[in-house]
Amino acid sequence: MKLSTKGKYGLKAMFELALCSSSKPVSLKHIAKQQNISDQYLEQIFSALKKANLVKSVRGAQGGYFLSKDASDITVADILKVLEGNMVFTECLLSEDACENFDSCSTRYVWARIKQSIEEVTNSISLQDMVDDYNSNFNYKDSDITDIMKNMK
């Protein structure tokens, strides 16, 4: 499974919105600049997030967006479900009709466990968790990420 740019950018944008949360709305231009994302692309992303009631908007010169609920009540899963849909990378987990080997599939158990693990992680991390992590200055360096990736093999 590969996360699309829509999911990645949407999560980054929602993080920025949570980070800037205050009494006044945050403009897409600000979010785009801070997260290095095209503001036209952000408009599409925020349209979906607004429709899902994860954000609210205010029009006008001082307008922008704000979270529709507390950052601790919005999970990574909430955001990714809106922007990515079902978080599965094989159709057999969605429908018995997707595979003729559904009843005797030797790998279905593996795919189901991976899906379950992804759901557990994304449901357990809130935007507030991301902000708290960021504020504690815990940032991965490129070398740290390389080491993590090596250890995963």
Protein backbone atom coordinates (compact mmCIF):
# COMPACT_ATOMS: atom_id res chain seq x y z
CA MET A 1 0.00 0.00 0.00
CA LYS A 2 1.30 3.39 -0.92
CA LEU A 3 -0.15 6.54 0.55
CA SER A 4 -1.06 9.13 -2.09
CA THR A 5 0.10 12.73 -1.97
CA LYS A 6 -3.46 13.64 -1.06
CA GLY A 7 -3.19 11.64 2.16
CA LYS A 8 0.33 12.80 2.97
CA TYR A 9 -0.35 16.46 2.26
CA GLY A 10 -3.71 16.34 3.99
CA LEU A 11 -2.13 14.99 7.16
CA LYS A 12 0.64 17.61 7.01
CA ALA A 13 -1.94 20.37 6.47
CA MET A 14 -4.12 19.20 9.35
CA PHE A 15 -1.03 19.05 11.56
CA GLU A 16 -0.22 22.65 10.62
CA LEU A 17 -3.80 23.69 11.38
CA ALA A 18 -3.59 22.00 14.80
CA LEU A 19 -0.19 23.58 15.44
CA CYS A 20 -1.57 27.05 14.65
CA SER A 21 -4.84 26.53 16.46
CA SER A 22 -5.94 29.71 18.10
CA SER A 23 -9.02 31.87 18.14
CA LYS A 24 -8.52 33.01 14.53
CA PRO A 25 -8.75 30.97 11.33
CA VAL A 26 -5.61 29.90 9.46
CA SER A 27 -5.35 30.70 5.76
CA LEU A 28 -4.57 28.04 3.18
CA LYS A 29 -1.79 30.30 1.96
CA HIS A 30 -0.12 30.07 5.39
CA ILE A 31 -0.53 26.28 5.54
CA ALA A 32 0.76 25.92 1.96
CA LYS A 33 3.84 28.00 2.73
CA GLN A 34 4.65 26.29 6.03
CA GLN A 35 4.21 22.77 4.65
CA ASN A 36 5.49 23.45 1.11
CA ILE A 37 2.25 22.36 -0.58
CA SER A 38 0.47 23.93 -3.56
CA ASP A 39 -2.44 26.07 -2.34
CA GLN A 40 -4.59 24.91 -5.29
CA TYR A 41 -4.05 21.30 -4.20
CA LEU A 42 -4.84 22.26 -0.61
CA GLU A 43 -8.17 23.71 -1.74
CA GLN A 44 -9.17 20.29 -3.07
CA ILE A 45 -7.98 18.56 0.09
CA PHE A 46 -9.75 21.02 2.40
CA SER A 47 -12.95 20.69 0.41
CA ALA A 48 -13.03 16.99 1.31
CA LEU A 49 -12.02 17.65 4.93
CA LYS A 50 -14.76 20.27 5.27
CA LYS A 51 -17.36 17.93 3.78
CA ALA A 52 -16.33 15.33 6.38
CA ASN A 53 -16.71 17.93 9.17
CA LEU A 54 -13.06 17.77 10.22
CA VAL A 55 -12.55 21.48 9.49
CA LYS A 56 -14.71 24.57 9.32
CA SER A 57 -14.11 27.67 7.26
CA VAL A 58 -14.59 31.40 7.65
CA ARG A 59 -14.86 33.59 4.55
CA GLY A 60 -13.44 37.03 4.07
CA ALA A 61 -10.14 38.87 4.29
CA GLN A 62 -9.39 37.45 7.74
CA GLY A 63 -10.90 34.08 6.83
CA GLY A 64 -9.41 30.65 6.70
CA TYR A 65 -9.85 27.28 8.34
CA PHE A 66 -9.93 25.87 11.84
CA LEU A 67 -10.43 22.40 13.28
CA SER A 68 -14.06 21.48 13.81
CA LYS A 69 -13.20 19.77 17.10
CA ASP A 70 -10.31 19.53 19.49
CA ALA A 71 -7.01 18.26 18.04
CA SER A 72 -7.05 15.42 20.57
CA ASP A 73 -10.34 14.20 19.06
CA ILE A 74 -9.10 13.96 15.45
CA THR A 75 -6.98 10.92 14.63
CA VAL A 76 -4.66 10.17 11.74
CA ALA A 77 -7.21 7.50 10.76
CA ASP A 78 -10.01 10.09 10.59
CA ILE A 79 -7.99 12.16 8.13
CA LEU A 80 -6.72 9.29 6.01
CA LYS A 81 -10.16 7.67 5.73
CA VAL A 82 -11.52 10.89 4.23
CA LEU A 83 -8.63 11.41 1.83
CA GLU A 84 -7.61 7.83 1.00
CA GLY A 85 -10.75 5.78 1.55
CA ASN A 86 -10.36 2.22 2.83
CA MET A 87 -6.86 1.53 4.06
CA VAL A 88 -6.43 -1.86 2.40
CA PHE A 89 -3.99 -2.95 -0.24
CA THR A 90 -5.79 -6.09 -1.36
CA GLU A 91 -9.39 -6.36 -2.46
CA CYS A 92 -9.99 -9.68 -0.68
CA LEU A 93 -10.32 -7.82 2.61
CA LEU A 94 -13.22 -5.80 1.21
CA SER A 95 -15.28 -8.48 -0.46
CA GLU A 96 -15.48 -12.28 -0.65
CA ASP A 97 -16.25 -11.90 -4.35
CA ALA A 98 -12.91 -10.23 -5.04
CA CYS A 99 -11.00 -13.53 -5.11
CA GLU A 100 -11.90 -17.04 -6.10
CA ASN A 101 -9.56 -18.38 -3.38
CA PHE A 102 -11.24 -16.46 -0.56
CA ASP A 103 -12.01 -19.56 1.51
CA SER A 104 -8.62 -21.18 1.04
CA CYS A 105 -6.26 -18.23 0.71
CA SER A 106 -2.95 -18.84 2.41
CA THR A 107 -2.07 -15.14 2.72
CA ARG A 108 -5.40 -13.54 3.66
CA TYR A 109 -4.53 -13.85 7.35
CA VAL A 110 -1.31 -11.87 6.77
CA TRP A 111 -3.13 -9.07 4.89
CA ALA A 112 -5.80 -8.90 7.59
CA ARG A 113 -3.18 -8.61 10.36
CA ILE A 114 -1.32 -5.88 8.48
CA LYS A 115 -4.58 -3.98 7.97
CA GLN A 116 -5.42 -4.39 11.66
CA SER A 117 -1.99 -3.09 12.71
CA ILE A 118 -2.26 -0.05 10.44
CA GLU A 119 -5.72 0.72 11.82
CA GLU A 120 -4.52 0.37 15.42
CA VAL A 121 -1.65 2.79 14.85
CA THR A 122 -3.60 5.38 12.86
CA ASN A 123 -6.50 5.27 15.32
CA SER A 124 -4.16 5.74 18.28
CA ILE A 125 -2.42 8.91 17.06
CA SER A 126 -4.28 12.20 17.31
CA LEU A 127 -3.35 15.55 15.86
CA GLN A 128 -2.60 16.65 19.41
CA ASP A 129 -0.14 13.77 19.76
CA MET A 130 1.60 15.00 16.60
CA VAL A 131 1.72 18.58 17.90
CA ASP A 132 3.04 17.43 21.28
CA ASP A 133 5.71 15.35 19.58
CA TYR A 134 6.71 18.29 17.41
CA ASN A 135 6.77 20.68 20.35
CA SER A 136 9.03 18.36 22.33
CA ASN A 137 11.58 18.86 19.54
CA PHE A 138 11.72 15.18 18.70
CA ASN A 139 12.55 15.32 15.02
CA TYR A 140 14.00 12.55 12.89
CA LYS A 141 17.11 13.43 10.98
CA ASP A 142 17.76 11.89 7.58
CA SER A 143 20.35 9.59 9.13
CA ASP A 144 17.84 8.44 11.78
CA ILE A 145 15.30 7.54 9.11
CA THR A 146 17.95 5.63 7.16
CA ASP A 147 18.84 3.67 10.30
CA ILE A 148 15.18 2.91 10.99
CA MET A 149 14.66 1.68 7.43
CA LYS A 150 17.76 -0.56 7.66
CA ASN A 151 16.48 -2.11 10.88
CA MET A 152 13.12 -2.89 9.28
CA LYS A 153 14.68 -5.28 6.76
